[in-house]
Protein backbone atom coordinates (compact mmCIF):
# COMPACT_ATOMS: atom_id res chain seq x y z
CA MET A 1 107.38 121.67 92.89
CA ALA A 2 104.49 121.72 94.57
CA GLY A 3 104.08 123.59 97.93
CA CYS A 4 102.38 121.06 99.69
CA GLY A 5 105.87 120.05 101.30
CA ASN A 6 107.67 117.00 102.04
CA SER A 7 107.62 117.35 106.03
CA THR A 8 103.68 116.77 105.61
CA ILE A 9 103.49 113.41 104.05
CA VAL A 10 106.47 111.98 105.98
CA GLY A 11 105.51 109.28 108.08
CA LYS A 12 103.42 106.21 108.59
CA TRP A 13 99.79 106.19 106.95
CA ARG A 14 97.04 103.64 107.05
CA LEU A 15 94.39 102.66 103.80
CA MET A 16 91.22 103.63 105.18
CA GLY A 17 89.04 100.31 105.81
CA GLY A 18 90.11 98.87 109.22
CA SER A 19 93.02 97.77 111.19
CA ASN A 20 94.48 95.38 108.84
CA ALA A 21 94.58 97.86 105.76
CA THR A 22 97.85 98.49 103.99
CA LEU A 23 100.35 100.77 105.60
CA TRP A 24 101.94 103.49 103.64
CA GLU A 25 105.45 104.95 105.06
CA PHE A 26 106.66 107.98 103.48
CA SER A 27 110.29 108.72 103.94
CA ALA A 28 112.00 112.15 104.24
CA ASN A 29 114.35 110.91 101.59
CA GLY A 30 111.78 110.02 98.82
CA VAL A 31 111.18 106.69 99.59
CA VAL A 32 107.55 105.05 100.19
CA LEU A 33 106.82 101.65 101.50
CA VAL A 34 103.65 100.35 100.59
CA GLY A 35 102.68 97.19 102.48
CA ASP A 36 106.04 94.95 101.79
CA VAL A 37 106.84 96.80 98.66
CA ARG A 38 109.32 99.69 98.37
CA GLY A 39 109.39 102.37 95.83
CA ARG A 40 109.89 105.87 95.55
CA TYR A 41 108.12 109.05 95.41
CA ARG A 42 108.52 112.43 93.72
CA PHE A 43 106.18 115.69 93.92
CA GLY A 44 105.14 117.34 90.78
CA ASP A 45 103.19 120.63 90.27
CA GLN A 46 99.23 121.23 90.81
CA ASP A 47 99.53 118.95 94.07
CA ARG A 48 100.71 115.81 92.40
CA ILE A 49 102.56 112.75 93.58
CA LYS A 50 104.14 110.14 91.62
CA ILE A 51 104.96 106.80 93.23
CA GLU A 52 107.21 104.34 91.37
CA THR A 53 107.03 100.81 92.62
CA PRO A 54 108.62 97.68 90.69
CA PHE A 55 105.06 97.35 89.81
CA ALA A 56 103.59 99.85 88.80
CA THR A 57 103.84 104.07 88.08
CA THR A 58 101.18 106.08 89.19
CA VAL A 59 100.52 109.68 89.32
CA TYR A 60 97.67 110.64 92.03
CA GLN A 61 96.23 114.26 92.62
CA MET A 62 97.26 114.71 96.30
CA LYS A 63 94.90 116.28 99.14
CA ILE A 64 96.06 116.40 102.77
CA SER A 65 93.85 118.08 105.43
CA GLY A 66 94.67 117.32 109.31
CA ASP A 67 95.51 113.62 109.57
CA GLY A 68 93.90 112.73 106.27
CA MET A 69 95.12 111.93 102.77
CA THR A 70 93.39 111.61 99.92
CA LEU A 71 95.26 110.33 96.57
CA GLN A 72 92.77 110.53 93.48
CA GLU A 73 93.94 108.63 90.30
CA PRO A 74 92.75 111.14 87.19
CA GLY A 75 89.32 109.79 86.13
CA GLY A 76 90.33 106.29 88.29
CA SER A 77 90.06 105.09 91.96
CA LYS A 78 90.50 107.19 95.08
CA LEU A 79 92.67 105.96 98.27
CA GLU A 80 91.86 107.64 101.49
CA LEU A 81 94.50 107.55 103.97
CA THR A 82 94.98 108.65 107.74
CA LYS A 83 98.13 109.45 109.19
CA MET A 84 99.04 107.14 112.21
CA ARG A 85 100.45 108.83 115.52
CA GLU A 86 103.55 107.69 116.83
CA THR A 87 102.69 106.12 120.24
CA GLN A 88 104.69 104.33 122.70
CA ARG A 89 103.55 100.72 123.88
C-alpha cells in the first residue's frame, strides 16, 4: 500500500472547471461517490489509486499537493480536483 494515506483523500473534491463541476466524495471506508455514481476505491503501489464503478474500472496515478489532487490515467487524460472546505451555511 502506498504511503499517501487514506485520511488525505477523504472528503469532497470538485473537478476543476466551474461551480457546476462534478463532485467526487471519498469516504474512509473505501466508498467513492462520483456525481451520483457510487463506487469503490483502493490504493495500490507507487501512488496509484483504483476506482471501480458500475460503468468502469480505472487506475490513476495520484498526486496530492495541499488542496489539489491530480489523477492521471497512464498515457491518457488528467483530472484536476480541488478539495472543498467544510463550511457552515
